N, C-alpha and C. Protein backbone atom coordinates (compact mmCIF):
# COMPACT_ATOMS: atom_id res chain seq x y z
N MET A 1 0.83 -1.20 0.00
CA MET A 1 0.00 0.00 0.00
C MET A 1 0.87 1.26 0.00
N ARG A 2 1.96 1.25 0.79
CA ARG A 2 2.84 2.40 0.85
C ARG A 2 3.36 2.74 -0.56
N ASP A 3 3.84 1.72 -1.28
CA ASP A 3 4.37 1.96 -2.63
C ASP A 3 3.28 2.43 -3.58
N ARG A 4 2.08 1.89 -3.46
CA ARG A 4 0.96 2.32 -4.32
C ARG A 4 0.65 3.80 -4.10
N ILE A 5 0.63 4.21 -2.85
CA ILE A 5 0.33 5.61 -2.53
C ILE A 5 1.43 6.52 -3.09
N ILE A 6 2.69 6.12 -2.90
CA ILE A 6 3.82 6.93 -3.39
C ILE A 6 3.74 7.09 -4.91
N GLU A 7 3.49 6.00 -5.61
CA GLU A 7 3.45 6.05 -7.08
C GLU A 7 2.30 6.92 -7.58
N LYS A 8 1.12 6.73 -7.00
CA LYS A 8 -0.04 7.52 -7.45
C LYS A 8 0.15 9.00 -7.11
N ALA A 9 0.61 9.29 -5.91
CA ALA A 9 0.85 10.69 -5.53
C ALA A 9 1.89 11.30 -6.46
N GLY A 10 2.96 10.56 -6.76
CA GLY A 10 4.00 11.06 -7.65
C GLY A 10 3.47 11.37 -9.03
N ASP A 11 2.62 10.51 -9.55
CA ASP A 11 2.01 10.75 -10.87
C ASP A 11 1.23 12.06 -10.87
N LEU A 12 0.45 12.28 -9.82
CA LEU A 12 -0.37 13.49 -9.74
C LEU A 12 0.51 14.73 -9.52
N PHE A 13 1.51 14.60 -8.66
CA PHE A 13 2.41 15.72 -8.41
C PHE A 13 3.09 16.18 -9.69
N ILE A 14 3.60 15.22 -10.47
CA ILE A 14 4.34 15.53 -11.69
C ILE A 14 3.41 16.14 -12.74
N GLN A 15 2.19 15.62 -12.82
CA GLN A 15 1.27 16.08 -13.85
C GLN A 15 0.64 17.44 -13.53
N TYR A 16 0.26 17.65 -12.27
CA TYR A 16 -0.52 18.85 -11.92
C TYR A 16 0.19 19.82 -10.97
N GLY A 17 1.31 19.41 -10.41
CA GLY A 17 1.92 20.19 -9.36
C GLY A 17 1.50 19.65 -8.00
N ILE A 18 2.24 19.99 -6.97
CA ILE A 18 2.00 19.41 -5.65
C ILE A 18 0.84 20.10 -4.94
N LYS A 19 0.82 21.42 -4.98
CA LYS A 19 -0.26 22.16 -4.30
C LYS A 19 -1.61 21.87 -4.94
N ASN A 20 -1.61 21.57 -6.24
CA ASN A 20 -2.86 21.29 -6.95
C ASN A 20 -3.34 19.85 -6.78
N SER A 21 -2.57 19.04 -6.09
CA SER A 21 -2.93 17.63 -5.87
C SER A 21 -3.21 17.43 -4.39
N SER A 22 -4.48 17.33 -4.05
CA SER A 22 -4.85 17.21 -2.64
C SER A 22 -4.75 15.77 -2.17
N MET A 23 -4.66 15.62 -0.86
CA MET A 23 -4.63 14.27 -0.28
C MET A 23 -5.97 13.56 -0.54
N ASP A 24 -7.05 14.32 -0.61
CA ASP A 24 -8.35 13.73 -0.94
C ASP A 24 -8.33 13.13 -2.34
N GLU A 25 -7.75 13.86 -3.29
CA GLU A 25 -7.67 13.36 -4.68
C GLU A 25 -6.80 12.12 -4.77
N ILE A 26 -5.70 12.12 -4.04
CA ILE A 26 -4.82 10.94 -4.04
C ILE A 26 -5.57 9.74 -3.50
N ALA A 27 -6.28 9.94 -2.38
CA ALA A 27 -7.03 8.84 -1.76
C ALA A 27 -8.12 8.34 -2.69
N THR A 28 -8.88 9.26 -3.29
CA THR A 28 -9.97 8.88 -4.19
C THR A 28 -9.46 8.11 -5.39
N SER A 29 -8.35 8.54 -5.96
CA SER A 29 -7.81 7.88 -7.15
C SER A 29 -7.34 6.46 -6.85
N LEU A 30 -7.05 6.19 -5.57
CA LEU A 30 -6.61 4.86 -5.16
C LEU A 30 -7.76 4.02 -4.59
N GLY A 31 -8.91 4.66 -4.39
CA GLY A 31 -10.05 3.95 -3.80
C GLY A 31 -9.86 3.64 -2.33
N ILE A 32 -9.14 4.53 -1.62
CA ILE A 32 -8.91 4.34 -0.19
C ILE A 32 -9.34 5.62 0.54
N SER A 33 -9.31 5.56 1.86
CA SER A 33 -9.66 6.74 2.64
C SER A 33 -8.42 7.61 2.86
N LYS A 34 -8.66 8.89 3.06
CA LYS A 34 -7.53 9.79 3.37
C LYS A 34 -6.87 9.37 4.68
N ARG A 35 -7.64 8.81 5.57
CA ARG A 35 -7.10 8.37 6.86
C ARG A 35 -6.02 7.31 6.65
N THR A 36 -6.23 6.44 5.66
CA THR A 36 -5.23 5.41 5.38
C THR A 36 -3.89 6.02 5.00
N ILE A 37 -3.93 7.10 4.22
CA ILE A 37 -2.69 7.78 3.83
C ILE A 37 -2.00 8.35 5.06
N TYR A 38 -2.79 8.99 5.94
CA TYR A 38 -2.19 9.62 7.12
C TYR A 38 -1.73 8.61 8.17
N GLU A 39 -2.16 7.37 8.04
CA GLU A 39 -1.63 6.33 8.91
C GLU A 39 -0.21 5.93 8.49
N ILE A 40 0.13 6.22 7.22
CA ILE A 40 1.44 5.84 6.69
C ILE A 40 2.38 7.04 6.56
N PHE A 41 1.81 8.19 6.19
CA PHE A 41 2.61 9.40 5.96
C PHE A 41 2.15 10.51 6.89
N ARG A 42 3.10 11.23 7.46
CA ARG A 42 2.79 12.29 8.42
C ARG A 42 1.97 13.41 7.78
N ASP A 43 2.39 13.83 6.59
CA ASP A 43 1.71 14.91 5.87
C ASP A 43 2.11 14.83 4.40
N LYS A 44 1.71 15.83 3.62
CA LYS A 44 1.99 15.79 2.19
C LYS A 44 3.49 15.87 1.91
N GLU A 45 4.21 16.65 2.70
CA GLU A 45 5.66 16.75 2.47
C GLU A 45 6.36 15.42 2.75
N ASP A 46 5.89 14.72 3.77
CA ASP A 46 6.45 13.39 4.05
C ASP A 46 6.22 12.47 2.86
N LEU A 47 5.04 12.53 2.27
CA LEU A 47 4.72 11.74 1.08
C LEU A 47 5.59 12.18 -0.10
N LEU A 48 5.76 13.48 -0.28
CA LEU A 48 6.58 14.01 -1.36
C LEU A 48 8.04 13.55 -1.21
N ILE A 49 8.59 13.66 0.00
CA ILE A 49 9.97 13.25 0.24
C ILE A 49 10.14 11.75 -0.02
N SER A 50 9.13 10.98 0.35
CA SER A 50 9.19 9.53 0.09
C SER A 50 9.21 9.26 -1.40
N PHE A 51 8.43 10.02 -2.18
CA PHE A 51 8.43 9.87 -3.63
C PHE A 51 9.78 10.26 -4.23
N LEU A 52 10.32 11.41 -3.82
CA LEU A 52 11.61 11.86 -4.34
C LEU A 52 12.73 10.88 -3.99
N SER A 53 12.70 10.36 -2.77
CA SER A 53 13.72 9.41 -2.34
C SER A 53 13.64 8.11 -3.13
N LYS A 54 12.42 7.64 -3.36
CA LYS A 54 12.23 6.41 -4.11
C LYS A 54 12.74 6.56 -5.54
N LYS A 55 12.41 7.67 -6.19
CA LYS A 55 12.85 7.89 -7.58
C LYS A 55 14.36 8.09 -7.65
N ARG A 56 14.92 8.76 -6.66
CA ARG A 56 16.37 8.94 -6.61
C ARG A 56 17.07 7.59 -6.51
N ASP A 57 16.59 6.73 -5.62
CA ASP A 57 17.21 5.42 -5.44
C ASP A 57 17.07 4.55 -6.69
N GLU A 58 15.90 4.60 -7.32
CA GLU A 58 15.70 3.85 -8.56
C GLU A 58 16.64 4.33 -9.65
N ARG A 59 16.77 5.65 -9.77
CA ARG A 59 17.66 6.23 -10.79
C ARG A 59 19.11 5.86 -10.52
N ASN A 60 19.54 5.97 -9.27
CA ASN A 60 20.93 5.66 -8.93
C ASN A 60 21.24 4.18 -9.15
N ASN A 61 20.30 3.33 -8.81
CA ASN A 61 20.51 1.89 -9.02
C ASN A 61 20.59 1.57 -10.51
N HIS A 62 19.76 2.26 -11.30
CA HIS A 62 19.79 2.04 -12.76
C HIS A 62 21.10 2.53 -13.35
N PHE A 63 21.52 3.72 -12.95
CA PHE A 63 22.76 4.27 -13.48
C PHE A 63 23.97 3.44 -13.05
N ALA A 64 23.89 2.83 -11.87
CA ALA A 64 25.01 2.00 -11.39
C ALA A 64 25.29 0.83 -12.33
N THR A 65 24.26 0.37 -13.06
CA THR A 65 24.47 -0.74 -13.99
C THR A 65 25.31 -0.31 -15.19
N PHE A 66 25.44 1.01 -15.41
CA PHE A 66 26.28 1.52 -16.51
C PHE A 66 27.75 1.57 -16.11
N LEU A 67 28.01 1.57 -14.80
CA LEU A 67 29.36 1.84 -14.30
C LEU A 67 30.06 0.56 -13.87
N VAL A 68 29.99 -0.44 -14.73
CA VAL A 68 30.55 -1.75 -14.41
C VAL A 68 31.83 -1.96 -15.21
N GLY A 69 32.87 -2.45 -14.52
CA GLY A 69 34.12 -2.77 -15.21
C GLY A 69 34.83 -1.53 -15.73
N ASP A 70 35.58 -1.69 -16.79
CA ASP A 70 36.34 -0.58 -17.38
C ASP A 70 35.45 0.14 -18.39
N TYR A 71 34.45 0.86 -17.88
CA TYR A 71 33.46 1.48 -18.74
C TYR A 71 34.03 2.70 -19.48
N ASN A 72 33.40 3.00 -20.60
CA ASN A 72 33.76 4.13 -21.44
C ASN A 72 32.87 5.32 -21.07
N VAL A 73 33.47 6.42 -20.66
CA VAL A 73 32.72 7.58 -20.17
C VAL A 73 31.74 8.11 -21.22
N ILE A 74 32.13 8.20 -22.46
CA ILE A 74 31.23 8.72 -23.50
C ILE A 74 30.04 7.80 -23.70
N GLU A 75 30.27 6.50 -23.73
CA GLU A 75 29.17 5.55 -23.90
C GLU A 75 28.20 5.62 -22.72
N VAL A 76 28.73 5.83 -21.51
CA VAL A 76 27.87 5.98 -20.33
C VAL A 76 27.05 7.26 -20.44
N PHE A 77 27.67 8.36 -20.87
CA PHE A 77 26.93 9.60 -21.08
C PHE A 77 25.75 9.37 -22.03
N ILE A 78 26.00 8.66 -23.12
CA ILE A 78 24.95 8.40 -24.12
C ILE A 78 23.81 7.59 -23.50
N ARG A 79 24.16 6.59 -22.72
CA ARG A 79 23.12 5.76 -22.10
C ARG A 79 22.31 6.55 -21.08
N ILE A 80 22.96 7.44 -20.35
CA ILE A 80 22.25 8.29 -19.39
C ILE A 80 21.30 9.23 -20.12
N ILE A 81 21.77 9.82 -21.23
CA ILE A 81 20.92 10.71 -22.02
C ILE A 81 19.69 9.95 -22.52
N GLU A 82 19.90 8.74 -23.03
CA GLU A 82 18.77 7.93 -23.52
C GLU A 82 17.76 7.65 -22.41
N THR A 83 18.27 7.35 -21.21
CA THR A 83 17.39 7.08 -20.08
C THR A 83 16.61 8.31 -19.67
N GLN A 84 17.31 9.44 -19.54
CA GLN A 84 16.66 10.67 -19.06
C GLN A 84 15.59 11.18 -20.03
N GLN A 85 15.84 11.07 -21.33
CA GLN A 85 14.88 11.65 -22.28
C GLN A 85 13.60 10.84 -22.36
N ASN A 86 13.61 9.63 -21.82
CA ASN A 86 12.40 8.81 -21.84
C ASN A 86 11.61 8.88 -20.53
N LEU A 87 12.08 9.70 -19.59
CA LEU A 87 11.33 9.88 -18.35
C LEU A 87 10.18 10.85 -18.58
N PRO A 88 9.10 10.73 -17.80
CA PRO A 88 7.97 11.66 -17.97
C PRO A 88 8.38 13.08 -17.65
N THR A 89 7.86 14.04 -18.42
CA THR A 89 8.17 15.45 -18.20
C THR A 89 7.30 16.01 -17.08
N ALA A 90 7.95 16.58 -16.07
CA ALA A 90 7.21 17.12 -14.93
C ALA A 90 6.63 18.48 -15.28
N ASN A 91 5.43 18.74 -14.77
CA ASN A 91 4.84 20.07 -14.85
C ASN A 91 5.77 21.03 -14.11
N VAL A 92 6.00 22.20 -14.70
CA VAL A 92 6.91 23.16 -14.07
C VAL A 92 6.44 23.52 -12.66
N LYS A 93 5.14 23.41 -12.40
CA LYS A 93 4.60 23.68 -11.07
C LYS A 93 5.17 22.73 -10.02
N PHE A 94 5.55 21.54 -10.45
CA PHE A 94 6.11 20.55 -9.54
C PHE A 94 7.34 21.12 -8.85
N PHE A 95 8.27 21.67 -9.64
CA PHE A 95 9.51 22.20 -9.08
C PHE A 95 9.28 23.54 -8.38
N GLU A 96 8.39 24.35 -8.91
CA GLU A 96 8.07 25.61 -8.26
C GLU A 96 7.49 25.37 -6.86
N ASP A 97 6.58 24.41 -6.77
CA ASP A 97 5.94 24.11 -5.49
C ASP A 97 6.96 23.62 -4.46
N ILE A 98 7.87 22.76 -4.90
CA ILE A 98 8.87 22.23 -3.98
C ILE A 98 9.66 23.37 -3.35
N HIS A 99 10.17 24.27 -4.19
CA HIS A 99 11.05 25.34 -3.69
C HIS A 99 10.29 26.42 -2.93
N LYS A 100 9.00 26.56 -3.19
CA LYS A 100 8.21 27.58 -2.49
C LYS A 100 7.67 27.09 -1.15
N TYR A 101 7.23 25.83 -1.11
CA TYR A 101 6.42 25.39 0.02
C TYR A 101 6.97 24.22 0.82
N TYR A 102 7.99 23.51 0.33
CA TYR A 102 8.41 22.28 0.99
C TYR A 102 9.91 22.29 1.27
N PRO A 103 10.33 22.92 2.38
CA PRO A 103 11.76 23.06 2.69
C PRO A 103 12.47 21.72 2.89
N GLY A 104 11.77 20.74 3.44
CA GLY A 104 12.40 19.43 3.62
C GLY A 104 12.72 18.77 2.30
N ALA A 105 11.80 18.87 1.34
CA ALA A 105 12.02 18.30 0.01
C ALA A 105 13.10 19.09 -0.74
N THR A 106 13.11 20.42 -0.55
CA THR A 106 14.15 21.25 -1.16
C THR A 106 15.52 20.85 -0.66
N LYS A 107 15.64 20.61 0.64
CA LYS A 107 16.90 20.19 1.24
C LYS A 107 17.36 18.86 0.64
N LEU A 108 16.41 17.93 0.48
CA LEU A 108 16.74 16.63 -0.10
C LEU A 108 17.27 16.79 -1.53
N ILE A 109 16.62 17.62 -2.33
CA ILE A 109 17.04 17.84 -3.71
C ILE A 109 18.41 18.50 -3.75
N ASN A 110 18.63 19.49 -2.90
CA ASN A 110 19.93 20.18 -2.89
C ASN A 110 21.06 19.23 -2.50
N GLU A 111 20.79 18.34 -1.55
CA GLU A 111 21.80 17.36 -1.16
C GLU A 111 22.08 16.39 -2.30
N ASP A 112 21.02 16.02 -3.02
CA ASP A 112 21.17 15.12 -4.16
C ASP A 112 21.99 15.79 -5.27
N VAL A 113 21.71 17.07 -5.52
CA VAL A 113 22.45 17.82 -6.54
C VAL A 113 23.93 17.90 -6.17
N ALA A 114 24.23 18.12 -4.89
CA ALA A 114 25.62 18.20 -4.44
C ALA A 114 26.33 16.87 -4.65
N ARG A 115 25.65 15.76 -4.35
CA ARG A 115 26.26 14.43 -4.57
C ARG A 115 26.47 14.18 -6.06
N ASN A 116 25.47 14.53 -6.87
CA ASN A 116 25.59 14.35 -8.32
C ASN A 116 26.74 15.16 -8.88
N ASN A 117 26.90 16.39 -8.37
CA ASN A 117 27.97 17.26 -8.85
C ASN A 117 29.33 16.67 -8.52
N ALA A 118 29.48 16.12 -7.32
CA ALA A 118 30.74 15.49 -6.93
C ALA A 118 31.03 14.28 -7.82
N PHE A 119 29.98 13.48 -8.09
CA PHE A 119 30.16 12.33 -8.98
C PHE A 119 30.57 12.79 -10.38
N LEU A 120 29.90 13.82 -10.90
CA LEU A 120 30.18 14.31 -12.25
C LEU A 120 31.62 14.80 -12.37
N ARG A 121 32.13 15.47 -11.35
CA ARG A 121 33.52 15.94 -11.40
C ARG A 121 34.48 14.76 -11.53
N ASP A 122 34.27 13.72 -10.71
CA ASP A 122 35.12 12.52 -10.81
C ASP A 122 34.94 11.81 -12.15
N PHE A 123 33.68 11.79 -12.62
CA PHE A 123 33.36 11.13 -13.89
C PHE A 123 34.06 11.84 -15.04
N LEU A 124 34.04 13.17 -15.03
CA LEU A 124 34.71 13.93 -16.08
C LEU A 124 36.23 13.73 -16.02
N ARG A 125 36.79 13.69 -14.82
CA ARG A 125 38.23 13.45 -14.70
C ARG A 125 38.59 12.07 -15.24
N LYS A 126 37.71 11.09 -15.03
CA LYS A 126 37.95 9.77 -15.60
C LYS A 126 37.93 9.84 -17.13
N GLY A 127 36.98 10.62 -17.67
CA GLY A 127 36.91 10.79 -19.12
C GLY A 127 38.15 11.46 -19.68
N ILE A 128 38.70 12.41 -18.93
CA ILE A 128 39.95 13.06 -19.35
C ILE A 128 41.09 12.05 -19.36
N ALA A 129 41.17 11.24 -18.29
CA ALA A 129 42.22 10.22 -18.20
C ALA A 129 42.10 9.20 -19.33
N GLN A 130 40.86 8.90 -19.75
CA GLN A 130 40.64 7.95 -20.84
C GLN A 130 40.94 8.56 -22.21
N GLY A 131 41.05 9.90 -22.25
CA GLY A 131 41.31 10.56 -23.52
C GLY A 131 40.05 10.89 -24.31
N TYR A 132 38.89 10.76 -23.67
CA TYR A 132 37.62 11.05 -24.36
C TYR A 132 37.12 12.47 -24.10
N ILE A 133 37.52 13.05 -22.97
CA ILE A 133 37.08 14.39 -22.58
C ILE A 133 38.29 15.33 -22.64
N ARG A 134 38.07 16.55 -23.13
CA ARG A 134 39.16 17.51 -23.29
C ARG A 134 39.83 17.84 -21.95
N SER A 135 41.14 17.86 -21.96
CA SER A 135 41.89 18.08 -20.72
C SER A 135 41.92 19.55 -20.31
N ASP A 136 41.51 20.47 -21.20
CA ASP A 136 41.56 21.89 -20.89
C ASP A 136 40.28 22.39 -20.22
N LEU A 137 39.35 21.48 -19.92
CA LEU A 137 38.08 21.89 -19.33
C LEU A 137 38.24 22.32 -17.88
N ASN A 138 37.43 23.28 -17.47
CA ASN A 138 37.24 23.56 -16.06
C ASN A 138 36.21 22.54 -15.56
N VAL A 139 36.66 21.54 -14.83
CA VAL A 139 35.79 20.41 -14.44
C VAL A 139 34.64 20.88 -13.56
N GLU A 140 34.91 21.82 -12.65
CA GLU A 140 33.85 22.29 -11.75
C GLU A 140 32.73 22.98 -12.53
N VAL A 141 33.10 23.85 -13.46
CA VAL A 141 32.10 24.56 -14.26
C VAL A 141 31.33 23.58 -15.15
N THR A 142 32.06 22.65 -15.76
CA THR A 142 31.42 21.68 -16.67
C THR A 142 30.43 20.79 -15.92
N ALA A 143 30.81 20.33 -14.74
CA ALA A 143 29.90 19.50 -13.93
C ALA A 143 28.63 20.27 -13.59
N PHE A 144 28.78 21.54 -13.24
CA PHE A 144 27.62 22.39 -12.95
C PHE A 144 26.72 22.50 -14.17
N LEU A 145 27.31 22.72 -15.35
CA LEU A 145 26.51 22.91 -16.56
C LEU A 145 25.79 21.62 -16.96
N VAL A 146 26.44 20.48 -16.78
CA VAL A 146 25.78 19.20 -17.09
C VAL A 146 24.57 19.02 -16.19
N GLU A 147 24.75 19.27 -14.89
CA GLU A 147 23.66 19.11 -13.94
C GLU A 147 22.54 20.11 -14.22
N ASP A 148 22.90 21.37 -14.45
CA ASP A 148 21.91 22.40 -14.70
C ASP A 148 21.16 22.16 -16.01
N GLY A 149 21.85 21.60 -17.01
CA GLY A 149 21.24 21.37 -18.31
C GLY A 149 20.07 20.41 -18.27
N THR A 150 20.04 19.53 -17.28
CA THR A 150 18.95 18.57 -17.21
C THR A 150 17.61 19.24 -16.88
N TYR A 151 17.65 20.50 -16.40
CA TYR A 151 16.42 21.20 -16.04
C TYR A 151 15.95 22.16 -17.13
N THR A 152 16.72 22.31 -18.19
CA THR A 152 16.34 23.25 -19.25
C THR A 152 15.01 22.85 -19.88
N TYR A 153 14.79 21.55 -20.08
CA TYR A 153 13.55 21.12 -20.71
C TYR A 153 12.34 21.38 -19.83
N ILE A 154 12.56 21.45 -18.51
CA ILE A 154 11.46 21.80 -17.61
C ILE A 154 11.05 23.26 -17.84
N ARG A 155 12.05 24.13 -17.96
CA ARG A 155 11.74 25.54 -18.17
C ARG A 155 11.04 25.77 -19.51
N ALA A 156 11.30 24.88 -20.46
CA ALA A 156 10.66 25.02 -21.77
C ALA A 156 9.15 24.78 -21.70
N SER A 157 8.69 24.18 -20.61
CA SER A 157 7.25 23.93 -20.49
C SER A 157 6.47 25.23 -20.31
N TYR A 158 7.18 26.35 -20.09
CA TYR A 158 6.51 27.65 -20.06
C TYR A 158 6.04 28.06 -21.45
N LEU A 159 6.67 27.50 -22.49
CA LEU A 159 6.29 27.87 -23.85
C LEU A 159 4.89 27.36 -24.15
N GLU A 160 4.09 28.20 -24.78
CA GLU A 160 2.70 27.81 -25.06
C GLU A 160 2.63 26.71 -26.10
N LYS A 161 3.34 26.88 -27.22
CA LYS A 161 3.34 25.86 -28.27
C LYS A 161 4.77 25.67 -28.78
N PRO A 162 5.58 24.94 -28.05
CA PRO A 162 6.97 24.76 -28.49
C PRO A 162 7.04 24.01 -29.82
N PRO A 163 7.94 24.42 -30.72
CA PRO A 163 8.04 23.78 -32.04
C PRO A 163 8.86 22.49 -32.00
N PHE A 164 8.92 21.86 -30.85
CA PHE A 164 9.69 20.62 -30.68
C PHE A 164 9.12 19.88 -29.47
N SER A 165 9.42 18.60 -29.41
CA SER A 165 9.02 17.84 -28.23
C SER A 165 10.09 18.03 -27.16
N PHE A 166 9.72 17.80 -25.91
CA PHE A 166 10.69 17.90 -24.83
C PHE A 166 11.78 16.84 -24.99
N LYS A 167 11.41 15.70 -25.53
CA LYS A 167 12.39 14.64 -25.78
C LYS A 167 13.44 15.13 -26.78
N GLU A 168 12.99 15.78 -27.86
CA GLU A 168 13.93 16.30 -28.86
C GLU A 168 14.81 17.40 -28.26
N LEU A 169 14.22 18.25 -27.43
CA LEU A 169 14.97 19.33 -26.81
C LEU A 169 16.08 18.77 -25.93
N PHE A 170 15.72 17.85 -25.05
CA PHE A 170 16.70 17.30 -24.11
C PHE A 170 17.82 16.58 -24.85
N PHE A 171 17.46 15.74 -25.82
CA PHE A 171 18.47 14.97 -26.55
C PHE A 171 19.42 15.89 -27.30
N THR A 172 18.88 16.87 -28.03
CA THR A 172 19.71 17.77 -28.82
C THR A 172 20.63 18.59 -27.93
N MET A 173 20.09 19.09 -26.84
CA MET A 173 20.88 19.91 -25.92
C MET A 173 22.03 19.11 -25.31
N MET A 174 21.73 17.92 -24.81
CA MET A 174 22.75 17.16 -24.09
C MET A 174 23.76 16.50 -25.02
N ILE A 175 23.33 15.97 -26.15
CA ILE A 175 24.28 15.29 -27.04
C ILE A 175 25.27 16.30 -27.61
N ASN A 176 24.79 17.51 -27.91
CA ASN A 176 25.70 18.54 -28.42
C ASN A 176 26.62 19.08 -27.34
N PHE A 177 26.12 19.13 -26.11
CA PHE A 177 26.98 19.56 -25.01
C PHE A 177 28.12 18.56 -24.80
N ILE A 178 27.77 17.28 -24.75
CA ILE A 178 28.79 16.25 -24.53
C ILE A 178 29.78 16.23 -25.69
N ARG A 179 29.27 16.41 -26.91
CA ARG A 179 30.17 16.44 -28.08
C ARG A 179 31.15 17.61 -27.97
N GLY A 180 30.66 18.74 -27.43
CA GLY A 180 31.49 19.93 -27.31
C GLY A 180 32.62 19.79 -26.31
N ILE A 181 32.47 18.93 -25.31
CA ILE A 181 33.54 18.77 -24.31
C ILE A 181 34.41 17.55 -24.62
N SER A 182 34.15 16.90 -25.74
CA SER A 182 34.88 15.68 -26.09
C SER A 182 36.10 15.95 -26.96
N THR A 183 37.08 15.05 -26.87
CA THR A 183 38.21 15.07 -27.79
C THR A 183 37.78 14.44 -29.12
N GLU A 184 38.66 14.44 -30.09
CA GLU A 184 38.34 13.79 -31.37
C GLU A 184 37.99 12.32 -31.15
N LYS A 185 38.67 11.70 -30.24
CA LYS A 185 38.41 10.28 -29.91
C LYS A 185 36.98 10.10 -29.39
N GLY A 186 36.54 11.02 -28.54
CA GLY A 186 35.17 10.96 -28.02
C GLY A 186 34.15 11.33 -29.06
N ILE A 187 34.47 12.33 -29.88
CA ILE A 187 33.55 12.78 -30.93
C ILE A 187 33.25 11.66 -31.92
N ARG A 188 34.25 10.84 -32.21
CA ARG A 188 34.02 9.72 -33.15
C ARG A 188 32.95 8.77 -32.62
N ILE A 189 32.97 8.51 -31.32
CA ILE A 189 31.97 7.61 -30.71
C ILE A 189 30.59 8.24 -30.82
N ILE A 190 30.50 9.53 -30.52
CA ILE A 190 29.21 10.22 -30.57
C ILE A 190 28.68 10.27 -32.00
N ASP A 191 29.55 10.59 -32.95
CA ASP A 191 29.12 10.68 -34.35
C ASP A 191 28.71 9.33 -34.90
N ASP A 192 29.39 8.26 -34.50
CA ASP A 192 28.99 6.91 -34.91
C ASP A 192 27.60 6.59 -34.35
N TYR A 193 27.38 6.98 -33.11
CA TYR A 193 26.08 6.75 -32.48
C TYR A 193 24.98 7.52 -33.22
N LEU A 194 25.25 8.81 -33.55
CA LEU A 194 24.25 9.62 -34.25
C LEU A 194 23.97 9.08 -35.64
N THR A 195 24.98 8.56 -36.30
CA THR A 195 24.79 7.97 -37.63
C THR A 195 23.88 6.75 -37.54
N LYS A 196 24.10 5.91 -36.53
CA LYS A 196 23.26 4.72 -36.35
C LYS A 196 21.82 5.12 -36.00
N GLN A 197 21.67 6.17 -35.20
CA GLN A 197 20.34 6.65 -34.85
C GLN A 197 19.58 7.11 -36.10
N LYS A 198 20.28 7.83 -36.96
CA LYS A 198 19.66 8.31 -38.20
C LYS A 198 19.28 7.15 -39.10
N GLN A 199 20.16 6.19 -39.21
CA GLN A 199 19.88 5.01 -40.04
C GLN A 199 18.65 4.27 -39.53
N ASN A 200 18.55 4.14 -38.21
CA ASN A 200 17.40 3.45 -37.62
C ASN A 200 16.11 4.21 -37.86
N SER A 201 16.17 5.55 -37.79
CA SER A 201 14.96 6.35 -38.02
C SER A 201 14.54 6.36 -39.47
N ASP A 202 15.51 6.19 -40.39
CA ASP A 202 15.21 6.16 -41.83
C ASP A 202 14.63 4.83 -42.26
N ASN A 203 14.92 3.78 -41.51
CA ASN A 203 14.44 2.43 -41.87
C ASN A 203 12.99 2.20 -41.42
């Protein structure tokens, strides 16, 4: 029941925003009483934090499967981009509500961003050592830009009628960013991947 409540609440939060998704609506959509939810979760922020923690752990466990053995940094970047672009796009209200009304959830996200940034710095240094990432990069700035870039597609949801899908936006933005920080050795891998993608779409 706990997992069912988290998943349903998360779906509503992402689609409509957190403030616009009442505990009554969550309970009704699950066919349970609101009291049942409050027997498991202290309040809406407790439910929100449980959702964010669950998705963070699922994402980290999935990404860990990419980091096995003597992995290639560029190939891992590509796999992460493929994974991220297939995730559901959150309503911009979701992130606005978190930062305006839920300090505990904001703290959790900020801590997660700090951990991701530390991982990205080490990941980029590994790419430099492998010869796939340019050695002249400012690693701290680049790690920040990679992390920040994942939220650009959220901001695009402000557009009334964007001339592209969010999937296209995220893929184009990230693949070109990674190509820009790559050496010729890394660029060859990316260009081979893009050629295969085009061939598959043409078939």
